[in-house]
């Protein structure tokens, strides 16, 4: 028996579950493969996303001597978040929409943009993600043209300069065909194995002598089963 309750404890025969899975292995593999193919096809139907980015060096003050102290670097790193808020403001993005004649609202464009500090340095990375590779490059480079002037006008004694302009992305950032395929395979495996395991655990029928060994009842006799036509022995039934 695959499971039984003895003193409120459920015992599960893992070997029997393994055998049940092995019996259904062909079906399990077929379902898993079909789901994997489904995941692959879904990845081809999802609209691809592309990203382009610019990097800018930010400083808390303009210096003519070129000397920068450690405190200046620390302040510059903390100001990256502030500069990011200004960059994603309506004043900045509204100018980008007008300059590039973009078919987006402010909220839509803001959702396409993310800012971060590069390896905790005073270099700020601005990433634009969208469905059109050439368009995200135009938006990123428009930000590179507009943001430095706007930031320095808002934050007094600040300095922002462009390090790198955006380049046309060579590949999409999403969806990942391999990830979708692996997710499909995993879902298919779970969907095909789970019912087999659950049914085997819930099966409390006695299928042979081995199942009776789980109980303390004595085995009185074994009755052989014969084929009614040929008279050949097919198996046995225990009582």
Protein backbone atom coordinates (compact mmCIF):
# COMPACT_ATOMS: atom_id res chain seq x y z
CA UNK A 1 0.00 0.00 0.00
CA UNK A 2 1.40 3.42 -0.93
CA UNK A 3 0.15 5.13 2.21
CA UNK A 4 -1.57 4.22 5.43
CA UNK A 5 -2.45 5.87 8.70
CA UNK A 6 -0.94 4.31 11.75
CA UNK A 7 -1.10 6.31 14.95
CA UNK A 8 -1.97 9.41 12.91
CA UNK A 9 1.24 9.02 10.89
CA UNK A 10 1.08 8.70 7.09
CA UNK A 11 3.62 6.27 5.66
CA UNK A 12 4.52 6.65 2.00
CA UNK A 13 6.17 3.94 -0.05
CA UNK A 14 8.66 5.91 -2.15
CA UNK A 15 9.65 2.84 -4.13
CA UNK A 16 6.07 2.28 -5.19
CA UNK A 17 5.73 5.94 -6.18
CA UNK A 18 8.91 5.65 -8.23
CA UNK A 19 7.53 2.57 -9.97
CA UNK A 20 4.26 4.39 -10.70
CA UNK A 21 6.20 7.29 -12.23
CA UNK A 22 8.26 4.86 -14.29
CA UNK A 23 5.08 3.24 -15.64
CA UNK A 24 3.83 6.66 -16.77
CA UNK A 25 7.25 7.84 -17.94
CA UNK A 26 6.28 8.03 -21.62
CA UNK A 27 3.24 10.18 -20.84
CA UNK A 28 5.24 12.36 -18.44
CA UNK A 29 7.93 12.98 -21.04
CA UNK A 30 5.32 13.76 -23.70
CA UNK A 31 3.51 16.31 -21.51
CA UNK A 32 6.82 17.88 -20.44
CA UNK A 33 8.00 18.18 -24.02
CA UNK A 34 4.70 19.68 -25.19
CA UNK A 35 4.79 22.29 -22.43
CA UNK A 36 8.41 23.08 -23.31
CA UNK A 37 7.41 23.63 -26.93
CA UNK A 38 4.53 25.77 -25.72
CA UNK A 39 6.92 27.93 -23.70
CA UNK A 40 9.16 28.30 -26.72
CA UNK A 41 6.24 29.40 -28.92
CA UNK A 42 5.00 31.86 -26.29
CA UNK A 43 8.44 33.49 -26.21
CA UNK A 44 8.15 34.07 -29.94
CA UNK A 45 4.70 35.65 -29.61
CA UNK A 46 5.64 38.09 -26.84
CA UNK A 47 6.67 41.52 -28.13
CA UNK A 48 10.47 41.82 -27.75
CA UNK A 49 11.93 44.53 -25.51
CA UNK A 50 15.17 46.43 -26.18
CA UNK A 51 17.32 48.55 -23.89
CA UNK A 52 19.73 51.38 -24.53
CA UNK A 53 21.62 53.32 -21.89
CA UNK A 54 23.75 56.38 -21.33
CA UNK A 55 26.22 57.06 -18.52
CA UNK A 56 26.87 60.42 -16.90
CA UNK A 57 29.46 61.56 -14.39
CA UNK A 58 27.93 63.57 -11.56
CA UNK A 59 29.71 65.86 -9.11
CA UNK A 60 28.50 67.95 -6.21
CA UNK A 61 30.43 71.02 -7.30
CA UNK A 62 32.35 72.50 -10.19
CA UNK A 63 36.09 72.79 -9.58
CA UNK A 64 38.63 74.54 -11.68
CA UNK A 65 41.62 72.96 -9.99
CA UNK A 66 40.46 69.45 -10.76
CA UNK A 67 41.10 68.21 -7.21
CA UNK A 68 38.37 66.00 -5.74
CA UNK A 69 38.29 64.88 -2.11
CA UNK A 70 36.83 61.65 -0.76
CA UNK A 71 33.95 63.62 0.77
CA UNK A 72 33.16 65.05 -2.68
CA UNK A 73 32.91 61.50 -4.08
CA UNK A 74 30.63 60.38 -1.23
CA UNK A 75 28.31 63.33 -1.75
CA UNK A 76 28.30 62.72 -5.52
CA UNK A 77 27.28 59.08 -4.98
CA UNK A 78 24.41 60.11 -2.72
CA UNK A 79 23.28 62.70 -5.26
CA UNK A 80 22.82 60.06 -7.97
CA UNK A 81 19.36 59.27 -6.56
CA UNK A 82 18.49 62.95 -6.47
CA UNK A 83 19.63 63.44 -10.04
CA UNK A 84 17.61 60.40 -11.05
CA UNK A 85 14.44 61.96 -9.64
CA UNK A 86 15.12 65.19 -11.53
CA UNK A 87 15.84 63.25 -14.71
CA UNK A 88 12.49 61.45 -14.46
CA UNK A 89 10.59 64.65 -13.69
CA UNK A 90 7.91 66.09 -15.96
CA UNK A 91 10.19 69.01 -16.90
CA UNK A 92 12.84 66.68 -18.27
CA UNK A 93 10.65 64.02 -19.85
CA UNK A 94 8.23 66.58 -21.23
CA UNK A 95 11.15 68.19 -23.08
CA UNK A 96 12.20 64.79 -24.43
CA UNK A 97 8.67 64.04 -25.66
CA UNK A 98 8.48 67.41 -27.42
CA UNK A 99 11.99 67.19 -28.92
CA UNK A 100 11.56 63.67 -30.30
CA UNK A 101 7.81 63.93 -31.07
CA UNK A 102 7.16 60.78 -29.05
CA UNK A 103 3.71 59.12 -28.95
CA UNK A 104 3.89 58.68 -25.19
CA UNK A 105 2.44 60.38 -22.16
CA UNK A 106 4.69 61.45 -19.32
CA UNK A 107 3.70 58.39 -17.25
CA UNK A 108 4.34 56.00 -20.13
CA UNK A 109 7.79 57.44 -20.80
CA UNK A 110 8.66 57.46 -17.10
CA UNK A 111 7.85 53.75 -16.97
CA UNK A 112 10.41 53.10 -19.70
CA UNK A 113 13.29 54.77 -17.81
CA UNK A 114 15.38 53.56 -14.88
CA UNK A 115 18.43 55.09 -13.21
CA UNK A 116 21.18 53.54 -11.11
CA UNK A 117 24.68 54.12 -9.83
CA UNK A 118 27.42 52.15 -11.62
CA UNK A 119 29.16 49.96 -9.02
CA UNK A 120 28.46 52.50 -6.24
CA UNK A 121 30.49 55.16 -8.04
CA UNK A 122 29.60 58.73 -8.98
CA UNK A 123 28.71 57.52 -12.49
CA UNK A 124 24.97 57.40 -13.15
CA UNK A 125 23.49 54.94 -15.65
CA UNK A 126 20.21 55.81 -17.34
CA UNK A 127 18.49 52.91 -19.11
CA UNK A 128 15.58 53.21 -21.54
CA UNK A 129 13.58 50.08 -22.39
CA UNK A 130 10.97 49.76 -25.12
CA UNK A 131 9.73 47.76 -28.09
CA UNK A 132 11.56 49.81 -30.74
CA UNK A 133 15.36 49.51 -30.69
CA UNK A 134 16.00 52.72 -32.63
CA UNK A 135 13.47 54.66 -30.57
CA UNK A 136 15.02 53.77 -27.20
CA UNK A 137 18.37 54.99 -28.53
CA UNK A 138 16.83 58.31 -29.57
CA UNK A 139 15.19 58.73 -26.17
CA UNK A 140 18.36 57.89 -24.27
CA UNK A 141 20.46 60.32 -26.30
CA UNK A 142 17.79 63.02 -25.94
CA UNK A 143 18.07 62.56 -22.17
CA UNK A 144 21.84 62.92 -22.48
CA UNK A 145 21.32 66.27 -24.24
CA UNK A 146 18.64 67.64 -21.91
CA UNK A 147 19.36 66.22 -18.45
CA UNK A 148 22.78 67.77 -17.66
CA UNK A 149 21.59 71.34 -18.22
CA UNK A 150 18.35 70.78 -16.30
CA UNK A 151 20.09 69.09 -13.35
CA UNK A 152 22.73 71.79 -12.98
CA UNK A 153 20.03 74.47 -13.10
CA UNK A 154 18.07 72.79 -10.30
CA UNK A 155 20.94 71.61 -8.08
CA UNK A 156 23.21 74.53 -7.37
CA UNK A 157 26.99 73.99 -7.66
CA UNK A 158 26.51 70.65 -9.38
CA UNK A 159 28.24 69.24 -12.42
CA UNK A 160 26.93 66.61 -14.82
CA UNK A 161 28.74 65.45 -17.93
CA UNK A 162 27.96 62.66 -20.41
CA UNK A 163 30.40 59.74 -20.40
CA UNK A 164 28.79 57.50 -23.02
CA UNK A 165 25.93 58.03 -25.44
CA UNK A 166 23.51 55.22 -26.27
CA UNK A 167 24.28 52.70 -28.99
CA UNK A 168 21.84 50.61 -31.01
CA UNK A 169 21.20 47.39 -29.02
CA UNK A 170 22.32 44.25 -30.85
CA UNK A 171 19.96 41.88 -29.04
CA UNK A 172 16.66 42.03 -27.18
CA UNK A 173 16.59 42.00 -23.39
CA UNK A 174 13.29 40.11 -23.18
CA UNK A 175 11.62 37.74 -23.53
CA UNK A 176 14.32 35.08 -23.04
CA UNK A 177 13.53 32.10 -25.27
CA UNK A 178 15.62 29.75 -23.14
CA UNK A 179 13.95 30.93 -19.92
CA UNK A 180 10.45 30.55 -21.33
CA UNK A 181 11.31 27.09 -22.67
CA UNK A 182 12.77 25.95 -19.33
CA UNK A 183 9.72 27.31 -17.50
CA UNK A 184 7.46 25.37 -19.89
CA UNK A 185 9.43 22.17 -19.32
CA UNK A 186 9.28 22.62 -15.55
CA UNK A 187 5.55 23.33 -15.56
CA UNK A 188 4.94 20.31 -17.80
CA UNK A 189 6.99 18.08 -15.51
CA UNK A 190 5.08 19.22 -12.43
CA UNK A 191 1.68 18.92 -14.12
CA UNK A 192 2.41 15.38 -15.30
CA UNK A 193 4.16 14.00 -12.20
CA UNK A 194 1.92 15.55 -9.52
CA UNK A 195 -1.27 13.62 -10.43
CA UNK A 196 0.65 10.33 -10.56
CA UNK A 197 2.14 10.91 -7.11
CA UNK A 198 -1.12 12.10 -5.56
CA UNK A 199 -3.14 9.18 -6.96
CA UNK A 200 -0.52 6.71 -5.76
CA UNK A 201 -0.48 8.19 -2.27
CA UNK A 202 -4.29 8.12 -2.06
CA UNK A 203 -4.47 4.55 -3.36
CA UNK A 204 -5.28 2.38 -0.32
CA UNK A 205 -6.10 -0.79 -2.20
CA UNK A 206 -4.21 -4.04 -1.63
CA UNK A 207 -2.57 -5.17 -4.84
CA UNK A 208 -0.53 -8.15 -3.62
CA UNK A 209 1.32 -9.95 -0.86
CA UNK A 210 3.76 -7.10 -0.32
CA UNK A 211 0.91 -4.76 0.59
CA UNK A 212 -0.27 -7.18 3.29
CA UNK A 213 3.11 -7.11 4.98
CA UNK A 214 2.34 -3.61 6.18
CA UNK A 215 -0.31 -5.10 8.46
CA UNK A 216 -0.06 -7.59 11.30
CA UNK A 217 -2.69 -9.86 9.78
CA UNK A 218 -1.57 -13.46 8.99
CA UNK A 219 -1.47 -14.64 5.37
CA UNK A 220 -3.76 -17.69 5.20
CA UNK A 221 -3.38 -18.77 1.59
CA UNK A 222 -2.53 -17.73 -1.94
CA UNK A 223 -5.02 -18.52 -4.70
CA UNK A 224 -3.50 -18.75 -8.19
CA UNK A 225 -5.27 -17.04 -11.09
CA UNK A 226 -5.66 -19.01 -14.31
CA UNK A 227 -6.47 -17.94 -17.85
CA UNK A 228 -9.99 -19.22 -18.53
CA UNK A 229 -9.16 -20.22 -22.12
CA UNK A 230 -5.65 -21.70 -21.97
CA UNK A 231 -5.61 -22.79 -18.32
CA UNK A 232 -2.23 -21.13 -17.84
CA UNK A 233 -1.46 -19.50 -14.51
CA UNK A 234 -1.60 -15.68 -14.72
CA UNK A 235 -0.86 -14.73 -11.11
CA UNK A 236 -2.20 -15.22 -7.63
CA UNK A 237 -4.59 -13.67 -5.18
CA UNK A 238 -3.90 -13.65 -1.44
CA UNK A 239 -6.32 -14.08 1.42
